[in-house]
Structures are given as C-alpha cells and as structure tokens.
Amino acid sequence: MSTPRGTSVFTDGGYRYVEGVFQYSGGVAAQPGHAIERAVFHRGLPLAAGFEAIQAHLGRLGRDTTALCALELRIPAPLSDEGFLAFNRDYVGTLERWGLIRDGVNPVARTNVCPAFDPPAGPVVHAFSYTVPSTLAHGGFIVAGSGEAPEGRANYRDHVIRPGDTSAEGLREKVRFVMAEMGRRLRLLGMDWADATSVQAYTVADIGFLLRDELVLTGAARQGLCWHHCRPPVAVLDYEMDVRGPVRELHLRD
C-alpha cells in the first residue's frame, strides 16, 4: 500500500496517520493486518486514571501502549490559546512516555471538547481507540476533531473563520470550512464519507437549518449525525466535527 503525501505509517501501532500538529494527528486508519476498535467509558475518567485504564485494557488484549491510535477528551470549559498550549504540553507527556511520540511527531488522533451541560470538574478521557490484529480487508479509521480555523498556525484567534459570528451566514461558512477539512483528511486516509459509521458535530450554536444542505445532501450523514451540545476546546471557536469508522465499538462500565 502506498502512503499519500501528508500521511505516514506508525509501524509499531499498525496504523497510518495524517500528519498534524504536536498535540495530535489529523486522523488514523488501520494498516493491513490490523483493525481499529473504539472503547467508551461509561463515565469519563480523570486524565491520569483514564490513561491507567487504557494501559490496563491494552494489556489484557496483549497489546502494547503503542497500539493506542486515538483519544476523545472532555474538559470543563474552552481555553485561551495560551491555556490550550499549556494543556497540550502536559497531555503529550504521557504519549511520549508510552513511546508514541518520536522526534516530536505525534501519530495519535484526538477530539477534545467542552460539554455545555454538566461539564466535568477537570479533563477526562471519554473514549479511546486502538489497533488489534485482524484479517479484515477494511480495518477502520478515526478522523480527529477540528474546528473552523487552520491548524499549525501560531494561534487560533488570528485565523478563525468569521470570529464571533454565529449569524446564519457566519455559521454556514464555519460549517463549510470544517466539512472541507474533514473531507481532506478522509481522502488522505483513503476513505470517503460513505465509509463513515458515525459523524459528530460539536457546537452550542443552532445549526439545524444547515443540516439538510451542508451535511445530508453532501453525503456526510448517511448513517445520521450525532450533534453534541459541546463547545470546541479553544474559546474563539464555535464549531467542531469528527468522523469515524472503527470495526468494533465497546462500552466499558465501572
């Protein structure tokens, strides 16, 4: 399998990834001989406890921590650019210790959002995805969350699309920008919207009037759309999406 420009293979994990920023990759897809499973905690676990539970789960499966390919976090409230940077520097420390980050390159995809109702007291792990050996022809994928600003710039506030504008046209432009980025990441992973089993939108803005034209008719909602009443993790952002198609999902209860 050839690897398109803008993607790389994380051989130890059994997956390829869309090259991204230091805190997360743009998405992951299973390499031949592997498949992606997603596990959801019934109740989000505080970050340290969540990482311990992930390591224990992988150990029971006979998988090394390098099999981790995606994380879904929840945090109490949106952060400033500076606060987001500080959070990310602390977060990646565990991934470095686990052998996932090498030469500053992070292959692990991530979604990190802020519930508007009943937020956690601190950062928690909501779900995680990992690879397992498999003979399936299609091993699944996870596209990382992204909001309405290009990533990899010095900050978000100077590059956000229609900052602070949640008018009808402002929201339409934001949604279109994020949809285009989701499509780009899907294509880099060798996927398209038809491969998705779950598409998520994260916003407290009313996007109902946009669903038909911007998501349904574009083919993004073949399996429906899950709209979370959450804010993106950076205060200047209003809209975020992610997309996934793991081969198996399980729910972990206390």
Protein backbone atom coordinates (compact mmCIF):
# COMPACT_ATOMS: atom_id res chain seq x y z
CA MET A 1 0.00 0.00 0.00
CA SER A 2 1.41 3.39 -0.99
CA THR A 3 1.29 6.18 1.57
CA PRO A 4 -0.01 9.50 0.17
CA ARG A 5 1.95 12.66 0.77
CA GLY A 6 0.83 14.19 4.05
CA THR A 7 0.48 10.81 5.74
CA SER A 8 2.92 8.48 7.45
CA VAL A 9 2.85 4.94 8.85
CA PHE A 10 3.31 4.28 12.55
CA THR A 11 4.57 0.75 12.14
CA ASP A 12 4.64 -0.20 15.82
CA GLY A 13 0.98 0.73 16.16
CA GLY A 14 -0.23 -0.89 12.96
CA TYR A 15 -1.77 2.28 11.56
CA ARG A 16 -1.13 5.19 9.26
CA TYR A 17 -1.90 8.79 10.18
CA VAL A 18 -2.50 12.21 8.70
CA GLU A 19 0.42 14.41 9.72
CA GLY A 20 -0.78 17.13 12.06
CA VAL A 21 0.38 19.29 14.95
CA PHE A 22 2.42 18.31 18.01
CA GLN A 23 -0.64 17.58 20.15
CA TYR A 24 -2.45 15.26 17.70
CA SER A 25 -2.53 13.88 14.19
CA GLY A 26 -5.33 14.63 11.72
CA GLY A 27 -6.62 11.07 11.77
CA VAL A 28 -5.66 7.41 11.61
CA ALA A 29 -6.51 4.31 9.59
CA ALA A 30 -5.56 0.70 10.20
CA GLN A 31 -2.74 -0.80 8.20
CA PRO A 32 -3.20 -4.23 6.57
CA GLY A 33 -3.27 -6.95 9.20
CA HIS A 34 -4.85 -4.65 11.78
CA ALA A 35 -8.23 -3.20 12.72
CA ILE A 36 -9.32 -0.32 14.92
CA GLU A 37 -11.54 -0.83 17.96
CA ARG A 38 -13.09 2.01 19.96
CA ALA A 39 -13.87 1.79 23.68
CA VAL A 40 -16.09 4.29 25.52
CA PHE A 41 -16.01 4.78 29.27
CA HIS A 42 -19.49 4.75 30.80
CA ARG A 43 -18.33 7.70 32.88
CA GLY A 44 -15.35 9.77 31.84
CA LEU A 45 -12.22 9.08 33.87
CA PRO A 46 -9.85 11.82 35.05
CA LEU A 47 -6.86 12.03 32.75
CA ALA A 48 -4.35 10.09 34.87
CA ALA A 49 -6.87 7.39 35.80
CA GLY A 50 -8.02 7.23 32.20
CA PHE A 51 -4.51 6.56 30.94
CA GLU A 52 -4.10 3.85 33.59
CA ALA A 53 -7.35 2.21 32.48
CA ILE A 54 -6.28 2.38 28.84
CA GLN A 55 -2.95 0.75 29.61
CA ALA A 56 -4.71 -2.00 31.60
CA HIS A 57 -7.23 -2.60 28.80
CA LEU A 58 -4.50 -2.87 26.19
CA GLY A 59 -2.52 -5.18 28.47
CA ARG A 60 -5.49 -7.55 28.78
CA LEU A 61 -5.59 -7.72 24.99
CA GLY A 62 -1.87 -8.38 24.78
CA ARG A 63 -1.32 -5.03 23.09
CA ASP A 64 1.45 -2.55 23.81
CA THR A 65 0.66 1.11 24.53
CA THR A 66 1.88 1.90 21.01
CA ALA A 67 -1.40 0.36 19.75
CA LEU A 68 -3.25 3.48 21.01
CA CYS A 69 -4.32 5.48 17.96
CA ALA A 70 -6.98 7.98 19.09
CA LEU A 71 -8.31 9.66 22.22
CA GLU A 72 -11.52 11.54 22.98
CA LEU A 73 -11.32 14.00 25.86
CA ARG A 74 -13.77 16.25 27.66
CA ILE A 75 -12.63 19.39 29.51
CA PRO A 76 -14.57 21.79 31.76
CA ALA A 77 -14.54 24.91 29.57
CA PRO A 78 -12.91 26.40 26.47
CA LEU A 79 -9.34 27.61 26.90
CA SER A 80 -7.39 30.59 25.67
CA ASP A 81 -4.70 29.96 23.06
CA GLU A 82 -2.13 30.06 25.85
CA GLY A 83 -4.15 27.76 28.09
CA PHE A 84 -4.66 25.28 25.26
CA LEU A 85 -0.93 25.19 24.58
CA ALA A 86 -0.16 24.53 28.25
CA PHE A 87 -2.78 21.77 28.41
CA ASN A 88 -1.36 20.09 25.32
CA ARG A 89 2.21 20.16 26.59
CA ASP A 90 1.12 18.32 29.72
CA TYR A 91 -1.07 15.88 27.76
CA VAL A 92 1.62 14.77 25.33
CA GLY A 93 3.95 13.82 28.19
CA THR A 94 2.13 10.52 28.68
CA LEU A 95 2.22 9.76 24.95
CA GLU A 96 5.97 10.38 24.96
CA ARG A 97 6.46 8.02 27.90
CA TRP A 98 4.39 5.40 26.10
CA GLY A 99 6.64 5.51 23.05
CA LEU A 100 4.05 7.09 20.77
CA ILE A 101 5.78 10.41 20.09
CA ARG A 102 9.14 10.18 18.38
CA ASP A 103 11.23 13.11 17.21
CA GLY A 104 8.34 15.40 18.11
CA VAL A 105 5.89 13.62 15.78
CA ASN A 106 2.54 12.58 17.27
CA PRO A 107 0.54 9.91 15.39
CA VAL A 108 -2.40 9.78 17.84
CA ALA A 109 -5.64 11.42 16.68
CA ARG A 110 -7.77 13.34 19.18
CA THR A 111 -11.09 15.02 19.80
CA ASN A 112 -11.25 17.37 22.79
CA VAL A 113 -14.48 19.26 23.53
CA CYS A 114 -16.30 21.01 26.36
CA PRO A 115 -19.79 19.83 27.39
CA ALA A 116 -22.08 22.82 27.90
CA PHE A 117 -24.29 20.82 30.29
CA ASP A 118 -22.86 19.03 33.35
CA PRO A 119 -19.19 19.56 32.42
CA PRO A 120 -16.51 17.52 34.18
CA ALA A 121 -14.61 19.07 37.09
CA GLY A 122 -11.35 18.51 35.21
CA PRO A 123 -10.11 16.92 31.98
CA VAL A 124 -11.42 13.39 31.48
CA VAL A 125 -10.96 10.58 28.98
CA HIS A 126 -14.30 9.88 27.30
CA ALA A 127 -13.16 7.20 24.83
CA PHE A 128 -10.10 5.76 23.14
CA SER A 129 -9.26 3.73 20.05
CA TYR A 130 -6.52 1.22 19.38
CA THR A 131 -5.45 -1.41 16.88
CA VAL A 132 -5.70 -5.18 17.14
CA PRO A 133 -4.51 -7.89 14.75
CA SER A 134 -7.13 -8.61 12.08
CA THR A 135 -7.65 -10.29 8.74
CA LEU A 136 -10.41 -7.89 7.72
CA ALA A 137 -9.97 -6.16 4.38
CA HIS A 138 -11.18 -2.83 5.83
CA GLY A 139 -9.64 -2.12 9.23
CA GLY A 140 -11.42 1.14 10.05
CA PHE A 141 -10.41 4.73 10.71
CA ILE A 142 -10.78 7.73 13.04
CA VAL A 143 -10.65 11.34 11.82
CA ALA A 144 -9.57 13.77 14.55
CA GLY A 145 -11.76 16.65 15.64
CA SER A 146 -11.21 20.05 14.06
CA GLY A 147 -12.79 23.48 14.32
CA GLU A 148 -13.15 26.43 12.00
CA ALA A 149 -9.52 27.54 11.92
CA PRO A 150 -6.47 26.14 10.14
CA GLU A 151 -4.20 24.16 12.45
CA GLY A 152 -0.48 24.59 12.86
CA ARG A 153 -0.54 28.40 13.00
CA ALA A 154 0.89 30.48 15.83
CA ASN A 155 -2.57 30.80 17.37
CA TYR A 156 -6.27 30.33 16.64
CA ARG A 157 -7.58 33.81 17.37
CA ASP A 158 -5.91 35.43 14.35
CA HIS A 159 -7.04 32.75 11.90
CA VAL A 160 -10.55 31.68 12.94
CA ILE A 161 -13.25 31.81 10.26
CA ARG A 162 -15.80 34.59 10.93
CA PRO A 163 -14.71 35.15 14.56
CA GLY A 164 -17.62 35.54 16.94
CA ASP A 165 -20.13 35.41 14.08
CA THR A 166 -22.92 32.92 14.74
CA SER A 167 -25.31 34.50 12.26
CA ALA A 168 -26.80 32.21 9.61
CA GLU A 169 -24.10 33.06 7.08
CA GLY A 170 -21.35 33.01 9.68
CA LEU A 171 -22.31 29.51 10.77
CA ARG A 172 -22.65 28.36 7.17
CA GLU A 173 -19.10 29.46 6.39
CA LYS A 174 -17.77 27.81 9.54
CA VAL A 175 -19.53 24.52 8.77
CA ARG A 176 -18.30 24.53 5.18
CA PHE A 177 -14.72 25.13 6.28
CA VAL A 178 -14.82 22.25 8.76
CA MET A 179 -16.57 19.95 6.29
CA ALA A 180 -13.82 20.62 3.75
CA GLU A 181 -11.16 19.74 6.31
CA MET A 182 -12.96 16.52 7.27
CA GLY A 183 -13.14 15.61 3.58
CA ARG A 184 -9.44 16.31 3.10
CA ARG A 185 -8.48 14.07 6.00
CA LEU A 186 -10.77 11.30 4.78
CA ARG A 187 -9.18 11.37 1.34
CA LEU A 188 -5.67 11.28 2.77
CA LEU A 189 -6.62 8.15 4.69
CA GLY A 190 -8.06 6.57 1.54
CA MET A 191 -11.66 6.97 2.76
CA ASP A 192 -14.75 8.98 1.92
CA TRP A 193 -17.99 9.88 3.67
CA ALA A 194 -19.58 6.58 2.63
CA ASP A 195 -17.05 4.73 4.81
CA ALA A 196 -18.12 6.54 7.98
CA THR A 197 -20.21 4.77 10.58
CA SER A 198 -20.51 7.86 12.80
CA VAL A 199 -20.29 11.61 12.17
CA GLN A 200 -20.26 14.08 15.08
CA ALA A 201 -20.85 17.83 15.30
CA TYR A 202 -19.90 19.75 18.45
CA THR A 203 -21.47 23.17 18.93
CA VAL A 204 -23.93 25.08 21.10
CA ALA A 205 -25.00 27.18 18.09
CA ASP A 206 -28.24 26.27 16.32
CA ILE A 207 -27.09 24.51 13.15
CA GLY A 208 -30.42 22.80 12.47
CA PHE A 209 -31.14 24.94 9.41
CA LEU A 210 -27.81 23.86 7.87
CA LEU A 211 -28.14 20.11 8.27
CA ARG A 212 -30.00 19.38 5.04
CA ASP A 213 -27.89 21.37 2.59
CA GLU A 214 -24.45 21.25 4.21
CA LEU A 215 -24.39 17.72 5.70
CA VAL A 216 -27.20 15.50 4.45
CA LEU A 217 -27.11 16.42 0.76
CA THR A 218 -23.31 16.30 0.72
CA GLY A 219 -23.42 12.64 1.77
CA ALA A 220 -21.90 13.22 5.20
CA ALA A 221 -24.90 11.95 7.14
CA ARG A 222 -25.62 8.58 5.53
CA GLN A 223 -25.53 6.99 8.98
CA GLY A 224 -27.09 10.04 10.62
CA LEU A 225 -25.41 12.83 12.57
CA CYS A 226 -24.72 12.96 16.30
CA TRP A 227 -24.93 16.58 17.47
CA HIS A 228 -23.25 17.13 20.84
CA HIS A 229 -24.14 20.23 22.86
CA CYS A 230 -20.46 20.95 23.39
CA ARG A 231 -18.05 23.76 22.63
CA PRO A 232 -14.67 23.33 20.92
CA PRO A 233 -11.69 23.47 23.30
CA VAL A 234 -10.45 26.93 22.27
CA ALA A 235 -12.59 29.91 23.28
CA VAL A 236 -12.61 31.60 19.84
CA LEU A 237 -14.05 28.53 18.07
CA ASP A 238 -17.76 27.77 17.63
CA TYR A 239 -17.99 24.56 15.61
CA GLU A 240 -16.13 21.26 15.51
CA MET A 241 -16.59 17.89 13.82
CA ASP A 242 -15.03 14.45 13.76
CA VAL A 243 -15.72 11.29 11.75
CA ARG A 244 -15.07 7.66 12.47
CA GLY A 245 -15.48 4.13 11.18
CA PRO A 246 -13.97 1.63 13.64
CA VAL A 247 -14.70 -2.03 13.02
CA ARG A 248 -15.88 -2.62 16.60
CA GLU A 249 -17.11 -0.47 19.49
CA LEU A 250 -17.47 -1.42 23.13
CA HIS A 251 -18.63 0.34 26.28
CA LEU A 252 -16.63 -0.04 29.47
CA ARG A 253 -18.68 0.20 32.67
CA ASP A 254 -17.31 0.79 36.14
